[in-house]
Amino acid sequence: MKLVMNTVKGDDKCRICTKIDTKKRAIRKEEDKIKRWRREPNRSASIEKSEADIERLRYDLYILDEEKARKQSML
């Protein structure tokens, strides 16, 4: 049996980083929708829903950042 004590960095992002990037893209997409809808009349319900979605996504980002920090501190 051989024990390997080297760490090899890969080009791929970790699972958590991939999720973080996905959430950030979703936030950007919702913010773009809101900007577009603010120019249109009668879109207040859509804007409110998108704002709620952004808040949920930001909370998810916070949780993922905490998880990432916790895992990095265990290394």
N, C-alpha and C. Protein backbone atom coordinates (compact mmCIF):
# COMPACT_ATOMS: atom_id res chain seq x y z
N MET A 1 0.85 -1.17 0.00
CA MET A 1 0.00 0.00 0.00
C MET A 1 0.90 1.24 0.00
N LYS A 2 0.50 2.21 -0.79
CA LYS A 2 1.27 3.44 -0.91
C LYS A 2 0.38 4.62 -0.50
N LEU A 3 0.87 5.46 0.39
CA LEU A 3 0.14 6.65 0.80
C LEU A 3 0.65 7.84 -0.01
N VAL A 4 -0.26 8.59 -0.51
CA VAL A 4 0.10 9.76 -1.30
C VAL A 4 -0.20 11.00 -0.48
N MET A 5 0.79 11.85 -0.33
CA MET A 5 0.63 13.05 0.49
C MET A 5 0.66 14.33 -0.34
N ASN A 6 0.52 14.21 -1.64
CA ASN A 6 0.54 15.38 -2.51
C ASN A 6 -0.87 15.77 -2.91
N THR A 7 -1.07 17.04 -3.09
CA THR A 7 -2.35 17.55 -3.58
C THR A 7 -2.13 18.08 -4.98
N VAL A 8 -2.95 17.63 -5.89
CA VAL A 8 -2.85 18.08 -7.28
C VAL A 8 -4.05 18.95 -7.57
N LYS A 9 -3.78 20.18 -7.95
CA LYS A 9 -4.86 21.10 -8.29
C LYS A 9 -5.38 20.79 -9.68
N GLY A 10 -6.70 20.73 -9.81
CA GLY A 10 -7.30 20.51 -11.11
C GLY A 10 -7.88 21.80 -11.65
N ASP A 11 -8.23 21.79 -12.90
CA ASP A 11 -8.82 22.97 -13.52
C ASP A 11 -10.30 23.11 -13.20
N ASP A 12 -10.91 22.02 -12.76
CA ASP A 12 -12.34 22.04 -12.47
C ASP A 12 -12.62 22.74 -11.15
N LYS A 13 -13.78 23.35 -11.08
CA LYS A 13 -14.20 23.98 -9.84
C LYS A 13 -14.86 22.92 -8.96
N CYS A 14 -14.84 23.18 -7.67
CA CYS A 14 -15.50 22.26 -6.75
C CYS A 14 -17.02 22.38 -6.91
N ARG A 15 -17.71 21.44 -6.33
CA ARG A 15 -19.17 21.40 -6.43
C ARG A 15 -19.80 22.67 -5.85
N ILE A 16 -19.28 23.13 -4.74
CA ILE A 16 -19.84 24.32 -4.09
C ILE A 16 -19.59 25.56 -4.94
N CYS A 17 -18.39 25.69 -5.50
CA CYS A 17 -18.07 26.85 -6.33
C CYS A 17 -18.95 26.88 -7.58
N THR A 18 -19.23 25.71 -8.13
CA THR A 18 -20.11 25.63 -9.30
C THR A 18 -21.51 26.10 -8.94
N LYS A 19 -22.00 25.69 -7.78
CA LYS A 19 -23.33 26.13 -7.33
C LYS A 19 -23.35 27.63 -7.08
N ILE A 20 -22.28 28.16 -6.51
CA ILE A 20 -22.20 29.60 -6.25
C ILE A 20 -22.27 30.37 -7.57
N ASP A 21 -21.51 29.93 -8.56
CA ASP A 21 -21.54 30.59 -9.86
C ASP A 21 -22.92 30.54 -10.49
N THR A 22 -23.60 29.41 -10.35
CA THR A 22 -24.95 29.26 -10.90
C THR A 22 -25.91 30.22 -10.22
N LYS A 23 -25.84 30.33 -8.90
CA LYS A 23 -26.72 31.25 -8.15
C LYS A 23 -26.45 32.70 -8.54
N LYS A 24 -25.19 33.06 -8.71
CA LYS A 24 -24.85 34.43 -9.10
C LYS A 24 -25.39 34.76 -10.48
N ARG A 25 -25.31 33.80 -11.40
CA ARG A 25 -25.88 34.02 -12.74
C ARG A 25 -27.39 34.19 -12.66
N ALA A 26 -28.05 33.41 -11.81
CA ALA A 26 -29.50 33.52 -11.67
C ALA A 26 -29.88 34.87 -11.09
N ILE A 27 -29.11 35.36 -10.14
CA ILE A 27 -29.37 36.69 -9.56
C ILE A 27 -29.23 37.75 -10.64
N ARG A 28 -28.15 37.67 -11.41
CA ARG A 28 -27.94 38.65 -12.49
C ARG A 28 -29.10 38.63 -13.49
N LYS A 29 -29.58 37.44 -13.81
CA LYS A 29 -30.68 37.30 -14.75
C LYS A 29 -31.96 37.94 -14.20
N GLU A 30 -32.25 37.71 -12.93
CA GLU A 30 -33.43 38.30 -12.31
C GLU A 30 -33.31 39.82 -12.24
N GLU A 31 -32.12 40.33 -11.94
CA GLU A 31 -31.92 41.78 -11.89
C GLU A 31 -32.13 42.41 -13.26
N ASP A 32 -31.68 41.72 -14.32
CA ASP A 32 -31.91 42.22 -15.68
C ASP A 32 -33.39 42.26 -16.01
N LYS A 33 -34.12 41.23 -15.59
CA LYS A 33 -35.58 41.21 -15.81
C LYS A 33 -36.24 42.39 -15.12
N ILE A 34 -35.84 42.66 -13.88
CA ILE A 34 -36.43 43.75 -13.12
C ILE A 34 -36.17 45.09 -13.82
N LYS A 35 -34.95 45.29 -14.29
CA LYS A 35 -34.64 46.54 -15.01
C LYS A 35 -35.53 46.71 -16.23
N ARG A 36 -35.72 45.61 -16.95
CA ARG A 36 -36.57 45.67 -18.15
C ARG A 36 -38.03 45.93 -17.76
N TRP A 37 -38.51 45.26 -16.73
CA TRP A 37 -39.92 45.40 -16.33
C TRP A 37 -40.24 46.76 -15.74
N ARG A 38 -39.25 47.42 -15.15
CA ARG A 38 -39.51 48.75 -14.57
C ARG A 38 -39.91 49.76 -15.65
N ARG A 39 -39.52 49.52 -16.89
CA ARG A 39 -39.89 50.41 -18.00
C ARG A 39 -41.29 50.11 -18.52
N GLU A 40 -41.84 48.94 -18.15
CA GLU A 40 -43.16 48.56 -18.63
C GLU A 40 -44.21 48.81 -17.55
N PRO A 41 -45.41 49.17 -17.96
CA PRO A 41 -46.47 49.36 -16.96
C PRO A 41 -47.06 48.02 -16.53
N ASN A 42 -47.70 48.01 -15.37
CA ASN A 42 -48.45 46.85 -14.86
C ASN A 42 -47.58 45.60 -14.69
N ARG A 43 -46.38 45.76 -14.21
CA ARG A 43 -45.50 44.61 -13.98
C ARG A 43 -45.08 44.51 -12.51
N SER A 44 -45.82 45.16 -11.62
CA SER A 44 -45.41 45.21 -10.21
C SER A 44 -45.39 43.83 -9.57
N ALA A 45 -46.33 42.96 -9.93
CA ALA A 45 -46.36 41.61 -9.35
C ALA A 45 -45.14 40.81 -9.80
N SER A 46 -44.78 40.96 -11.05
CA SER A 46 -43.60 40.25 -11.57
C SER A 46 -42.33 40.75 -10.89
N ILE A 47 -42.26 42.05 -10.70
CA ILE A 47 -41.09 42.64 -10.04
C ILE A 47 -40.99 42.14 -8.61
N GLU A 48 -42.11 42.10 -7.90
CA GLU A 48 -42.11 41.63 -6.51
C GLU A 48 -41.68 40.17 -6.43
N LYS A 49 -42.14 39.36 -7.35
CA LYS A 49 -41.76 37.94 -7.36
C LYS A 49 -40.27 37.80 -7.63
N SER A 50 -39.76 38.56 -8.58
CA SER A 50 -38.33 38.49 -8.89
C SER A 50 -37.48 38.97 -7.72
N GLU A 51 -37.94 40.00 -7.03
CA GLU A 51 -37.21 40.49 -5.86
C GLU A 51 -37.19 39.43 -4.76
N ALA A 52 -38.29 38.72 -4.59
CA ALA A 52 -38.34 37.62 -3.61
C ALA A 52 -37.39 36.50 -4.03
N ASP A 53 -37.35 36.21 -5.32
CA ASP A 53 -36.44 35.18 -5.83
C ASP A 53 -34.99 35.57 -5.58
N ILE A 54 -34.67 36.84 -5.78
CA ILE A 54 -33.30 37.32 -5.55
C ILE A 54 -32.93 37.17 -4.07
N GLU A 55 -33.85 37.51 -3.19
CA GLU A 55 -33.58 37.37 -1.76
C GLU A 55 -33.33 35.91 -1.39
N ARG A 56 -34.11 35.00 -1.97
CA ARG A 56 -33.93 33.57 -1.71
C ARG A 56 -32.57 33.10 -2.24
N LEU A 57 -32.22 33.57 -3.43
CA LEU A 57 -30.93 33.19 -4.02
C LEU A 57 -29.76 33.74 -3.20
N ARG A 58 -29.90 34.95 -2.69
CA ARG A 58 -28.84 35.53 -1.86
C ARG A 58 -28.67 34.76 -0.56
N TYR A 59 -29.79 34.29 0.00
CA TYR A 59 -29.72 33.46 1.20
C TYR A 59 -29.00 32.14 0.88
N ASP A 60 -29.34 31.54 -0.26
CA ASP A 60 -28.68 30.31 -0.68
C ASP A 60 -27.18 30.54 -0.87
N LEU A 61 -26.82 31.69 -1.44
CA LEU A 61 -25.40 32.04 -1.60
C LEU A 61 -24.69 32.15 -0.25
N TYR A 62 -25.37 32.75 0.71
CA TYR A 62 -24.81 32.89 2.05
C TYR A 62 -24.53 31.51 2.65
N ILE A 63 -25.49 30.60 2.51
CA ILE A 63 -25.33 29.25 3.04
C ILE A 63 -24.15 28.55 2.34
N LEU A 64 -24.07 28.68 1.03
CA LEU A 64 -22.98 28.04 0.28
C LEU A 64 -21.63 28.63 0.66
N ASP A 65 -21.56 29.95 0.85
CA ASP A 65 -20.30 30.57 1.27
C ASP A 65 -19.87 30.07 2.65
N GLU A 66 -20.83 29.92 3.55
CA GLU A 66 -20.54 29.40 4.88
C GLU A 66 -20.02 27.96 4.80
N GLU A 67 -20.67 27.16 3.96
CA GLU A 67 -20.25 25.77 3.78
C GLU A 67 -18.84 25.69 3.19
N LYS A 68 -18.57 26.55 2.21
CA LYS A 68 -17.25 26.58 1.58
C LYS A 68 -16.18 26.98 2.60
N ALA A 69 -16.46 27.99 3.41
CA ALA A 69 -15.51 28.45 4.42
C ALA A 69 -15.26 27.36 5.47
N ARG A 70 -16.32 26.66 5.85
CA ARG A 70 -16.20 25.59 6.84
C ARG A 70 -15.32 24.46 6.30
N LYS A 71 -15.54 24.09 5.05
CA LYS A 71 -14.75 23.01 4.45
C LYS A 71 -13.29 23.43 4.26
N GLN A 72 -13.06 24.70 3.91
CA GLN A 72 -11.68 25.16 3.75
C GLN A 72 -10.95 25.21 5.08
N SER A 73 -11.67 25.53 6.15
CA SER A 73 -11.02 25.59 7.46
C SER A 73 -10.67 24.21 7.98
N MET A 74 -11.33 23.18 7.48
CA MET A 74 -11.04 21.82 7.92
C MET A 74 -9.82 21.24 7.20
N LEU A 75 -9.36 21.89 6.15
CA LEU A 75 -8.20 21.38 5.41
C LEU A 75 -6.93 21.59 6.15
